[in-house]
């Protein structure tokens, strides 16, 4: 039941809840002076409901210090976390989605998310250094249409693979997606084969491919390039799966195990290689790149 609730909230889960000051409930101090507490100083954890100091929360990579709950990060925040300062160079940032099916309201929805996130699409691609080691890096952003994979997302990921292959560099992809983008129909589903083929060519050329599965990684992304990495890492507690828990249970007419579709469940059953806490992610990636570096 706990896991079912988590999946129901996957498309509406807030990044965090900031406690605001309520002037109607202020309690005067003994001298009659009400203390002035700025808004946004404290955060109520979505994992354990404990109240934590906002500055400590940010300094701890947006991870709760009490329970280890990993909040979702934007693409820019994640790049700042793992890339050496000033080394990341974005590629193909000019690519924008069109409306191939004339889906009503799609252009307006894209424009809204572009203004809200300051991104052109649900993925950022580029290259840079991780502890001084070169890597092609792809980061999906769930705040842009839930990280759904349309034509441009698939094209940018494919181009990132091709650049890594041509330069003989490793590629790291941080996945975060609700799956294929319904507004583009079959054009979206075609990206599954397109990105998988690019991953296959990179593998044939002897290139290293590391995937980092973050919350949530679902649908067509899980069913394609997300699970094709030579090494598959995941963040603690990440939701990873294809169809939803209720859909599966209704199809197979069986009750699924507790914790189904979590990173911990997948690790236990051999689907991923390691769960890495956010604070250790950069060091882990640099060690893997160094270990597989071609001399």
C-alpha atoms as a PDB file:
ATOM      1  CA  UNK A   1       0.000   0.000   0.000  1.00  0.00           C
ATOM      2  CA  UNK A   2       2.897   2.334   0.741  1.00  0.00           C
ATOM      3  CA  UNK A   3       4.467   1.760  -2.664  1.00  0.00           C
ATOM      4  CA  UNK A   4       1.119   2.225  -4.428  1.00  0.00           C
ATOM      5  CA  UNK A   5       0.728   5.637  -2.800  1.00  0.00           C
ATOM      6  CA  UNK A   6       4.203   6.607  -3.966  1.00  0.00           C
ATOM      7  CA  UNK A   7       3.409   5.749  -7.570  1.00  0.00           C
ATOM      8  CA  UNK A   8       0.132   7.679  -7.442  1.00  0.00           C
ATOM      9  CA  UNK A   9       2.075  10.775  -6.414  1.00  0.00           C
ATOM     10  CA  UNK A  10       4.873  10.378  -8.953  1.00  0.00           C
ATOM     11  CA  UNK A  11       3.593  13.091 -11.305  1.00  0.00           C
ATOM     12  CA  UNK A  12       2.570  15.543  -8.596  1.00  0.00           C
ATOM     13  CA  UNK A  13       5.194  15.085  -5.898  1.00  0.00           C
ATOM     14  CA  UNK A  14       6.470  18.462  -4.624  1.00  0.00           C
ATOM     15  CA  UNK A  15      10.197  18.998  -4.487  1.00  0.00           C
ATOM     16  CA  UNK A  16       9.866  20.054  -0.867  1.00  0.00           C
ATOM     17  CA  UNK A  17       7.506  21.768   1.525  1.00  0.00           C
ATOM     18  CA  UNK A  18       8.706  25.054   2.988  1.00  0.00           C
ATOM     19  CA  UNK A  19       7.168  26.039   6.293  1.00  0.00           C
ATOM     20  CA  UNK A  20       5.800  29.560   6.211  1.00  0.00           C
ATOM     21  CA  UNK A  21       5.274  31.925   9.114  1.00  0.00           C
ATOM     22  CA  UNK A  22       1.605  32.301  10.094  1.00  0.00           C
ATOM     23  CA  UNK A  23       1.033  35.740  11.602  1.00  0.00           C
ATOM     24  CA  UNK A  24      -2.363  34.713  12.996  1.00  0.00           C
ATOM     25  CA  UNK A  25      -0.788  32.024  15.156  1.00  0.00           C
ATOM     26  CA  UNK A  26       2.218  33.920  16.430  1.00  0.00           C
ATOM     27  CA  UNK A  27       2.935  33.550  20.120  1.00  0.00           C
ATOM     28  CA  UNK A  28       4.236  36.736  21.802  1.00  0.00           C
ATOM     29  CA  UNK A  29       7.478  36.515  23.699  1.00  0.00           C
ATOM     30  CA  UNK A  30       7.568  37.219  27.415  1.00  0.00           C
ATOM     31  CA  UNK A  31       8.424  40.876  26.817  1.00  0.00           C
ATOM     32  CA  UNK A  32       5.532  41.235  24.406  1.00  0.00           C
ATOM     33  CA  UNK A  33       7.730  41.300  21.286  1.00  0.00           C
ATOM     34  CA  UNK A  34       7.032  38.768  18.534  1.00  0.00           C
ATOM     35  CA  UNK A  35      10.261  37.268  17.116  1.00  0.00           C
ATOM     36  CA  UNK A  36      10.727  37.954  13.407  1.00  0.00           C
ATOM     37  CA  UNK A  37      11.362  34.608  11.690  1.00  0.00           C
ATOM     38  CA  UNK A  38      11.910  34.884   7.926  1.00  0.00           C
ATOM     39  CA  UNK A  39       9.809  32.639   5.706  1.00  0.00           C
ATOM     40  CA  UNK A  40      11.447  29.595   4.125  1.00  0.00           C
ATOM     41  CA  UNK A  41      13.999  28.898   6.869  1.00  0.00           C
ATOM     42  CA  UNK A  42      12.662  25.426   7.603  1.00  0.00           C
ATOM     43  CA  UNK A  43      11.590  22.435   5.519  1.00  0.00           C
ATOM     44  CA  UNK A  44       9.283  19.590   6.446  1.00  0.00           C
ATOM     45  CA  UNK A  45      10.774  16.394   5.049  1.00  0.00           C
ATOM     46  CA  UNK A  46       8.493  14.436   2.722  1.00  0.00           C
ATOM     47  CA  UNK A  47      10.127  11.218   3.887  1.00  0.00           C
ATOM     48  CA  UNK A  48      10.115  11.395   7.684  1.00  0.00           C
ATOM     49  CA  UNK A  49       8.099  14.598   8.342  1.00  0.00           C
ATOM     50  CA  UNK A  50      10.940  15.984  10.457  1.00  0.00           C
ATOM     51  CA  UNK A  51      11.619  19.717  10.314  1.00  0.00           C
ATOM     52  CA  UNK A  52      15.068  20.530   8.958  1.00  0.00           C
ATOM     53  CA  UNK A  53      16.953  23.759   8.471  1.00  0.00           C
ATOM     54  CA  UNK A  54      16.780  24.873   4.831  1.00  0.00           C
ATOM     55  CA  UNK A  55      20.454  25.839   4.638  1.00  0.00           C
ATOM     56  CA  UNK A  56      21.543  22.450   6.005  1.00  0.00           C
ATOM     57  CA  UNK A  57      19.221  20.782   3.501  1.00  0.00           C
ATOM     58  CA  UNK A  58      20.843  22.614   0.574  1.00  0.00           C
ATOM     59  CA  UNK A  59      24.356  22.004   1.886  1.00  0.00           C
ATOM     60  CA  UNK A  60      23.537  18.290   2.109  1.00  0.00           C
ATOM     61  CA  UNK A  61      22.751  18.042  -1.638  1.00  0.00           C
ATOM     62  CA  UNK A  62      18.977  18.237  -1.051  1.00  0.00           C
ATOM     63  CA  UNK A  63      19.002  15.087   1.037  1.00  0.00           C
ATOM     64  CA  UNK A  64      17.291  14.838   4.420  1.00  0.00           C
ATOM     65  CA  UNK A  65      19.899  14.451   7.160  1.00  0.00           C
ATOM     66  CA  UNK A  66      17.461  12.527   9.359  1.00  0.00           C
ATOM     67  CA  UNK A  67      16.169   9.796   7.015  1.00  0.00           C
ATOM     68  CA  UNK A  68      18.303  10.136   3.876  1.00  0.00           C
ATOM     69  CA  UNK A  69      15.326  10.965   1.671  1.00  0.00           C
ATOM     70  CA  UNK A  70      16.644  12.129  -1.731  1.00  0.00           C
ATOM     71  CA  UNK A  71      14.646  14.979  -3.230  1.00  0.00           C
ATOM     72  CA  UNK A  72      14.498  15.418  -6.978  1.00  0.00           C
ATOM     73  CA  UNK A  73      17.037  17.753  -8.546  1.00  0.00           C
ATOM     74  CA  UNK A  74      16.875  19.852 -11.686  1.00  0.00           C
ATOM     75  CA  UNK A  75      19.310  19.186 -14.511  1.00  0.00           C
ATOM     76  CA  UNK A  76      21.320  22.299 -13.665  1.00  0.00           C
ATOM     77  CA  UNK A  77      21.559  21.356  -9.998  1.00  0.00           C
ATOM     78  CA  UNK A  78      22.763  17.874 -10.852  1.00  0.00           C
ATOM     79  CA  UNK A  79      25.378  19.155 -13.266  1.00  0.00           C
ATOM     80  CA  UNK A  80      26.663  21.481 -10.563  1.00  0.00           C
ATOM     81  CA  UNK A  81      26.871  18.481  -8.243  1.00  0.00           C
ATOM     82  CA  UNK A  82      28.914  16.140 -10.453  1.00  0.00           C
ATOM     83  CA  UNK A  83      30.865  18.320 -12.908  1.00  0.00           C
ATOM     84  CA  UNK A  84      34.094  20.156 -12.158  1.00  0.00           C
ATOM     85  CA  UNK A  85      33.399  23.873 -11.854  1.00  0.00           C
ATOM     86  CA  UNK A  86      33.441  25.692 -15.177  1.00  0.00           C
ATOM     87  CA  UNK A  87      34.168  22.629 -17.318  1.00  0.00           C
ATOM     88  CA  UNK A  88      30.709  21.705 -18.597  1.00  0.00           C
ATOM     89  CA  UNK A  89      29.904  22.754 -22.161  1.00  0.00           C
ATOM     90  CA  UNK A  90      26.320  22.270 -23.272  1.00  0.00           C
ATOM     91  CA  UNK A  91      25.571  20.888 -26.736  1.00  0.00           C
ATOM     92  CA  UNK A  92      22.494  20.989 -28.990  1.00  0.00           C
ATOM     93  CA  UNK A  93      20.741  23.448 -26.710  1.00  0.00           C
ATOM     94  CA  UNK A  94      19.049  25.070 -29.708  1.00  0.00           C
ATOM     95  CA  UNK A  95      16.891  22.030 -30.535  1.00  0.00           C
ATOM     96  CA  UNK A  96      13.185  22.626 -29.888  1.00  0.00           C
ATOM     97  CA  UNK A  97      10.152  20.369 -30.156  1.00  0.00           C
ATOM     98  CA  UNK A  98       7.481  20.874 -32.797  1.00  0.00           C
ATOM     99  CA  UNK A  99       3.916  19.558 -32.893  1.00  0.00           C
ATOM    100  CA  UNK A 100       3.979  16.759 -35.505  1.00  0.00           C
ATOM    101  CA  UNK A 101       0.472  15.511 -34.661  1.00  0.00           C
ATOM    102  CA  UNK A 102      -1.124  18.946 -34.215  1.00  0.00           C
ATOM    103  CA  UNK A 103      -1.935  17.944 -30.650  1.00  0.00           C
ATOM    104  CA  UNK A 104      -4.186  20.621 -29.200  1.00  0.00           C
ATOM    105  CA  UNK A 105      -2.432  22.869 -26.673  1.00  0.00           C
ATOM    106  CA  UNK A 106       0.969  21.214 -27.052  1.00  0.00           C
ATOM    107  CA  UNK A 107       2.791  24.371 -28.186  1.00  0.00           C
ATOM    108  CA  UNK A 108       1.408  26.328 -25.252  1.00  0.00           C
ATOM    109  CA  UNK A 109       2.392  23.590 -22.820  1.00  0.00           C
ATOM    110  CA  UNK A 110       5.944  23.550 -24.187  1.00  0.00           C
ATOM    111  CA  UNK A 111       6.207  27.314 -23.909  1.00  0.00           C
ATOM    112  CA  UNK A 112       4.946  27.227 -20.323  1.00  0.00           C
ATOM    113  CA  UNK A 113       7.564  24.679 -19.271  1.00  0.00           C
ATOM    114  CA  UNK A 114      10.317  26.481 -21.157  1.00  0.00           C
ATOM    115  CA  UNK A 115       9.560  29.668 -19.253  1.00  0.00           C
ATOM    116  CA  UNK A 116       9.165  27.871 -15.928  1.00  0.00           C
ATOM    117  CA  UNK A 117      12.348  25.778 -16.122  1.00  0.00           C
ATOM    118  CA  UNK A 118      14.505  27.979 -18.379  1.00  0.00           C
ATOM    119  CA  UNK A 119      15.167  24.858 -20.468  1.00  0.00           C
ATOM    120  CA  UNK A 120      14.282  24.197 -24.093  1.00  0.00           C
ATOM    121  CA  UNK A 121      13.566  20.521 -23.435  1.00  0.00           C
ATOM    122  CA  UNK A 122      13.501  17.821 -20.767  1.00  0.00           C
ATOM    123  CA  UNK A 123      17.172  16.903 -21.153  1.00  0.00           C
ATOM    124  CA  UNK A 124      20.495  18.724 -21.028  1.00  0.00           C
ATOM    125  CA  UNK A 125      23.475  17.265 -22.884  1.00  0.00           C
ATOM    126  CA  UNK A 126      27.107  18.253 -23.039  1.00  0.00           C
ATOM    127  CA  UNK A 127      30.636  17.351 -22.024  1.00  0.00           C
ATOM    128  CA  UNK A 128      33.078  18.278 -19.296  1.00  0.00           C
ATOM    129  CA  UNK A 129      35.295  16.876 -16.571  1.00  0.00           C
ATOM    130  CA  UNK A 130      34.594  14.855 -13.436  1.00  0.00           C
ATOM    131  CA  UNK A 131      37.568  15.076 -11.099  1.00  0.00           C
ATOM    132  CA  UNK A 132      39.642  15.964 -14.145  1.00  0.00           C
ATOM    133  CA  UNK A 133      38.393  13.076 -16.302  1.00  0.00           C
ATOM    134  CA  UNK A 134      36.581  13.731 -19.594  1.00  0.00           C
ATOM    135  CA  UNK A 135      33.019  12.516 -20.014  1.00  0.00           C
ATOM    136  CA  UNK A 136      29.919  13.108 -22.108  1.00  0.00           C
ATOM    137  CA  UNK A 137      27.046  13.791 -19.731  1.00  0.00           C
ATOM    138  CA  UNK A 138      23.275  13.653 -20.239  1.00  0.00           C
ATOM    139  CA  UNK A 139      20.868  14.791 -17.514  1.00  0.00           C
ATOM    140  CA  UNK A 140      17.097  14.424 -17.755  1.00  0.00           C
ATOM    141  CA  UNK A 141      14.919  16.911 -15.864  1.00  0.00           C
ATOM    142  CA  UNK A 142      11.604  15.710 -14.414  1.00  0.00           C
ATOM    143  CA  UNK A 143      10.435  19.303 -13.891  1.00  0.00           C
ATOM    144  CA  UNK A 144       9.987  19.662 -17.678  1.00  0.00           C
ATOM    145  CA  UNK A 145       6.856  17.695 -18.635  1.00  0.00           C
ATOM    146  CA  UNK A 146       7.896  14.979 -16.192  1.00  0.00           C
ATOM    147  CA  UNK A 147      11.039  14.304 -18.218  1.00  0.00           C
ATOM    148  CA  UNK A 148       8.947  12.696 -20.948  1.00  0.00           C
ATOM    149  CA  UNK A 149      10.840  11.533 -24.035  1.00  0.00           C
ATOM    150  CA  UNK A 150       9.774  13.156 -27.274  1.00  0.00           C
ATOM    151  CA  UNK A 151      11.600  13.546 -30.573  1.00  0.00           C
ATOM    152  CA  UNK A 152      14.005  16.216 -29.361  1.00  0.00           C
ATOM    153  CA  UNK A 153      14.867  14.372 -26.151  1.00  0.00           C
ATOM    154  CA  UNK A 154      15.631  11.231 -28.169  1.00  0.00           C
ATOM    155  CA  UNK A 155      17.636  13.214 -30.739  1.00  0.00           C
ATOM    156  CA  UNK A 156      19.755  14.950 -28.108  1.00  0.00           C
ATOM    157  CA  UNK A 157      20.517  11.684 -26.320  1.00  0.00           C
ATOM    158  CA  UNK A 158      21.380  10.002 -29.628  1.00  0.00           C
ATOM    159  CA  UNK A 159      23.720  12.846 -30.584  1.00  0.00           C
ATOM    160  CA  UNK A 160      25.379  12.612 -27.173  1.00  0.00           C
ATOM    161  CA  UNK A 161      26.050   8.912 -27.750  1.00  0.00           C
ATOM    162  CA  UNK A 162      27.462   9.629 -31.200  1.00  0.00           C
ATOM    163  CA  UNK A 163      29.752  12.355 -29.885  1.00  0.00           C
ATOM    164  CA  UNK A 164      31.028  10.102 -27.098  1.00  0.00           C
ATOM    165  CA  UNK A 165      31.634   7.319 -29.620  1.00  0.00           C
ATOM    166  CA  UNK A 166      33.473   9.518 -32.108  1.00  0.00           C
ATOM    167  CA  UNK A 167      35.700  11.015 -29.400  1.00  0.00           C
ATOM    168  CA  UNK A 168      36.273   7.743 -27.580  1.00  0.00           C
ATOM    169  CA  UNK A 169      34.875   9.181 -24.341  1.00  0.00           C
ATOM    170  CA  UNK A 170      32.631   7.584 -21.708  1.00  0.00           C
ATOM    171  CA  UNK A 171      29.014   8.710 -21.477  1.00  0.00           C
ATOM    172  CA  UNK A 172      26.992   9.096 -18.295  1.00  0.00           C
ATOM    173  CA  UNK A 173      23.208   9.479 -18.382  1.00  0.00           C
ATOM    174  CA  UNK A 174      21.114  10.543 -15.391  1.00  0.00           C
ATOM    175  CA  UNK A 175      17.593   9.324 -16.083  1.00  0.00           C
ATOM    176  CA  UNK A 176      14.436  10.917 -14.699  1.00  0.00           C
ATOM    177  CA  UNK A 177      11.298  10.380 -16.742  1.00  0.00           C
ATOM    178  CA  UNK A 178       7.666   9.430 -16.762  1.00  0.00           C
ATOM    179  CA  UNK A 179       8.172   7.691 -20.115  1.00  0.00           C
ATOM    180  CA  UNK A 180       7.233   8.454 -23.710  1.00  0.00           C
ATOM    181  CA  UNK A 181       5.556  11.791 -24.501  1.00  0.00           C
ATOM    182  CA  UNK A 182       1.962  11.108 -25.505  1.00  0.00           C
ATOM    183  CA  UNK A 183       1.619  14.391 -27.428  1.00  0.00           C
ATOM    184  CA  UNK A 184       4.024  13.033 -30.064  1.00  0.00           C
ATOM    185  CA  UNK A 185       2.572   9.549 -30.339  1.00  0.00           C
ATOM    186  CA  UNK A 186       4.580   7.160 -32.509  1.00  0.00           C
ATOM    187  CA  UNK A 187       7.326   9.758 -33.002  1.00  0.00           C
ATOM    188  CA  UNK A 188       7.980   9.496 -29.288  1.00  0.00           C
ATOM    189  CA  UNK A 189       7.958   5.690 -29.233  1.00  0.00           C
ATOM    190  CA  UNK A 190      10.484   5.627 -32.085  1.00  0.00           C
ATOM    191  CA  UNK A 191      13.019   7.260 -29.755  1.00  0.00           C
ATOM    192  CA  UNK A 192      13.238   4.036 -27.767  1.00  0.00           C
ATOM    193  CA  UNK A 193      14.766   2.192 -30.721  1.00  0.00           C
ATOM    194  CA  UNK A 194      16.774   5.216 -31.821  1.00  0.00           C
ATOM    195  CA  UNK A 195      18.524   5.752 -28.482  1.00  0.00           C
ATOM    196  CA  UNK A 196      19.024   2.015 -27.945  1.00  0.00           C
ATOM    197  CA  UNK A 197      20.681   1.681 -31.347  1.00  0.00           C
ATOM    198  CA  UNK A 198      23.031   4.566 -30.500  1.00  0.00           C
ATOM    199  CA  UNK A 199      23.893   2.853 -27.212  1.00  0.00           C
ATOM    200  CA  UNK A 200      24.614  -0.349 -29.135  1.00  0.00           C
ATOM    201  CA  UNK A 201      26.984   1.400 -31.537  1.00  0.00           C
ATOM    202  CA  UNK A 202      28.803   2.994 -28.609  1.00  0.00           C
ATOM    203  CA  UNK A 203      29.199  -0.447 -27.037  1.00  0.00           C
ATOM    204  CA  UNK A 204      30.509  -1.968 -30.274  1.00  0.00           C
ATOM    205  CA  UNK A 205      33.123   0.771 -30.428  1.00  0.00           C
ATOM    206  CA  UNK A 206      34.300  -0.208 -26.945  1.00  0.00           C
ATOM    207  CA  UNK A 207      32.932   2.874 -25.183  1.00  0.00           C
ATOM    208  CA  UNK A 208      31.904   3.003 -21.544  1.00  0.00           C
ATOM    209  CA  UNK A 209      28.257   3.765 -20.766  1.00  0.00           C
ATOM    210  CA  UNK A 210      27.096   4.444 -17.200  1.00  0.00           C
ATOM    211  CA  UNK A 211      23.478   5.079 -16.280  1.00  0.00           C
ATOM    212  CA  UNK A 212      22.335   6.660 -13.029  1.00  0.00           C
ATOM    213  CA  UNK A 213      18.660   5.972 -12.353  1.00  0.00           C
ATOM    214  CA  UNK A 214      16.995   8.717 -10.322  1.00  0.00           C
ATOM    215  CA  UNK A 215      13.454   9.186  -9.083  1.00  0.00           C
ATOM    216  CA  UNK A 216      11.406   8.476 -11.139  1.00  0.00           C
ATOM    217  CA  UNK A 217      12.648   6.384 -14.074  1.00  0.00           C
ATOM    218  CA  UNK A 218       9.647   4.759 -15.726  1.00  0.00           C
ATOM    219  CA  UNK A 219       7.936   3.844 -19.001  1.00  0.00           C
ATOM    220  CA  UNK A 220       9.713   3.928 -22.342  1.00  0.00           C
ATOM    221  CA  UNK A 221      12.927   5.321 -20.877  1.00  0.00           C
ATOM    222  CA  UNK A 222      13.263   2.320 -18.571  1.00  0.00           C
ATOM    223  CA  UNK A 223      12.390   0.020 -21.482  1.00  0.00           C
ATOM    224  CA  UNK A 224      15.176   1.436 -23.659  1.00  0.00           C
ATOM    225  CA  UNK A 225      18.483   3.177 -22.977  1.00  0.00           C
ATOM    226  CA  UNK A 226      18.127   3.471 -19.171  1.00  0.00           C
ATOM    227  CA  UNK A 227      18.722  -0.239 -18.607  1.00  0.00           C
ATOM    228  CA  UNK A 228      21.424  -0.695 -21.259  1.00  0.00           C
ATOM    229  CA  UNK A 229      24.350   0.752 -19.328  1.00  0.00           C
ATOM    230  CA  UNK A 230      27.539  -1.218 -18.832  1.00  0.00           C
ATOM    231  CA  UNK A 231      27.221  -0.112 -15.223  1.00  0.00           C
ATOM    232  CA  UNK A 232      23.826   0.803 -13.766  1.00  0.00           C
ATOM    233  CA  UNK A 233      23.736   2.928 -10.631  1.00  0.00           C
ATOM    234  CA  UNK A 234      20.719   4.329  -8.783  1.00  0.00           C
ATOM    235  CA  UNK A 235      19.970   6.840  -6.060  1.00  0.00           C
ATOM    236  CA  UNK A 236      18.470   5.557  -2.795  1.00  0.00           C
ATOM    237  CA  UNK A 237      14.704   5.135  -2.847  1.00  0.00           C
ATOM    238  CA  UNK A 238      14.330   5.914  -6.540  1.00  0.00           C
ATOM    239  CA  UNK A 239      11.171   4.658  -8.253  1.00  0.00           C
ATOM    240  CA  UNK A 240      12.239   2.498 -11.204  1.00  0.00           C
ATOM    241  CA  UNK A 241       9.899   0.490 -13.390  1.00  0.00           C
ATOM    242  CA  UNK A 242       7.871   0.278 -16.577  1.00  0.00           C
ATOM    243  CA  UNK A 243       4.140   0.015 -15.878  1.00  0.00           C
ATOM    244  CA  UNK A 244       2.579   1.075 -12.597  1.00  0.00           C
ATOM    245  CA  UNK A 245       2.100  -1.293  -9.688  1.00  0.00           C
ATOM    246  CA  UNK A 246      -1.698  -1.312  -9.948  1.00  0.00           C
ATOM    247  CA  UNK A 247      -1.593  -1.968 -13.695  1.00  0.00           C
ATOM    248  CA  UNK A 248       0.703  -4.950 -13.178  1.00  0.00           C
ATOM    249  CA  UNK A 249      -1.369  -6.372 -10.341  1.00  0.00           C
ATOM    250  CA  UNK A 250      -4.571  -6.065 -12.361  1.00  0.00           C
ATOM    251  CA  UNK A 251      -2.905  -7.759 -15.329  1.00  0.00           C
ATOM    252  CA  UNK A 252      -1.271 -10.716 -13.566  1.00  0.00           C
ATOM    253  CA  UNK A 253      -3.954 -10.983 -10.848  1.00  0.00           C
ATOM    254  CA  UNK A 254      -1.321 -11.202  -8.111  1.00  0.00           C
ATOM    255  CA  UNK A 255      -0.187  -9.035  -5.203  1.00  0.00           C
ATOM    256  CA  UNK A 256       3.273  -7.583  -5.746  1.00  0.00           C
ATOM    257  CA  UNK A 257       5.964  -7.662  -3.029  1.00  0.00           C
ATOM    258  CA  UNK A 258       6.476  -4.785  -0.596  1.00  0.00           C
ATOM    259  CA  UNK A 259       8.861  -2.165  -1.955  1.00  0.00           C
ATOM    260  CA  UNK A 260       8.383  -3.319  -5.539  1.00  0.00           C
ATOM    261  CA  UNK A 261       9.954  -0.959  -8.138  1.00  0.00           C
ATOM    262  CA  UNK A 262      12.320   0.725  -5.700  1.00  0.00           C
ATOM    263  CA  UNK A 263      16.071   0.946  -6.267  1.00  0.00           C
ATOM    264  CA  UNK A 264      16.632  -1.314  -3.261  1.00  0.00           C
ATOM    265  CA  UNK A 265      14.321  -4.015  -4.647  1.00  0.00           C
ATOM    266  CA  UNK A 266      16.031  -3.903  -8.038  1.00  0.00           C
ATOM    267  CA  UNK A 267      19.480  -4.166  -6.461  1.00  0.00           C
ATOM    268  CA  UNK A 268      18.411  -7.190  -4.443  1.00  0.00           C
ATOM    269  CA  UNK A 269      17.148  -8.888  -7.619  1.00  0.00           C
ATOM    270  CA  UNK A 270      20.169  -8.082  -9.783  1.00  0.00           C
ATOM    271  CA  UNK A 271      18.717  -5.410 -12.074  1.00  0.00           C
ATOM    272  CA  UNK A 272      21.169  -2.695 -11.040  1.00  0.00           C
ATOM    273  CA  UNK A 273      24.776  -2.784  -9.877  1.00  0.00           C
ATOM    274  CA  UNK A 274      24.926  -0.353  -6.978  1.00  0.00           C
ATOM    275  CA  UNK A 275      22.945   2.247  -5.026  1.00  0.00           C
ATOM    276  CA  UNK A 276      24.992   5.397  -4.534  1.00  0.00           C
ATOM    277  CA  UNK A 277      24.103   8.205  -2.144  1.00  0.00           C
ATOM    278  CA  UNK A 278      24.185  11.655  -3.717  1.00  0.00           C
ATOM    279  CA  UNK A 279      27.130  12.837  -1.645  1.00  0.00           C
ATOM    280  CA  UNK A 280      29.247   9.986  -3.058  1.00  0.00           C
ATOM    281  CA  UNK A 281      28.053  10.183  -6.669  1.00  0.00           C
ATOM    282  CA  UNK A 282      30.826  12.333  -8.148  1.00  0.00           C
ATOM    283  CA  UNK A 283      33.613  10.312  -6.545  1.00  0.00           C
ATOM    284  CA  UNK A 284      31.997   7.019  -7.599  1.00  0.00           C
ATOM    285  CA  UNK A 285      31.651   8.155 -11.210  1.00  0.00           C
ATOM    286  CA  UNK A 286      35.244   9.407 -11.401  1.00  0.00           C
ATOM    287  CA  UNK A 287      36.535   6.112 -10.020  1.00  0.00           C
ATOM    288  CA  UNK A 288      34.539   4.116 -12.567  1.00  0.00           C
ATOM    289  CA  UNK A 289      35.786   6.307 -15.426  1.00  0.00           C
ATOM    290  CA  UNK A 290      39.377   5.983 -14.236  1.00  0.00           C
ATOM    291  CA  UNK A 291      39.045   2.229 -13.824  1.00  0.00           C
ATOM    292  CA  UNK A 292      37.852   1.855 -17.436  1.00  0.00           C
ATOM    293  CA  UNK A 293      40.134   4.521 -18.929  1.00  0.00           C
ATOM    294  CA  UNK A 294      41.796   3.464 -22.158  1.00  0.00           C
ATOM    295  CA  UNK A 295      45.557   3.937 -22.003  1.00  0.00           C
END
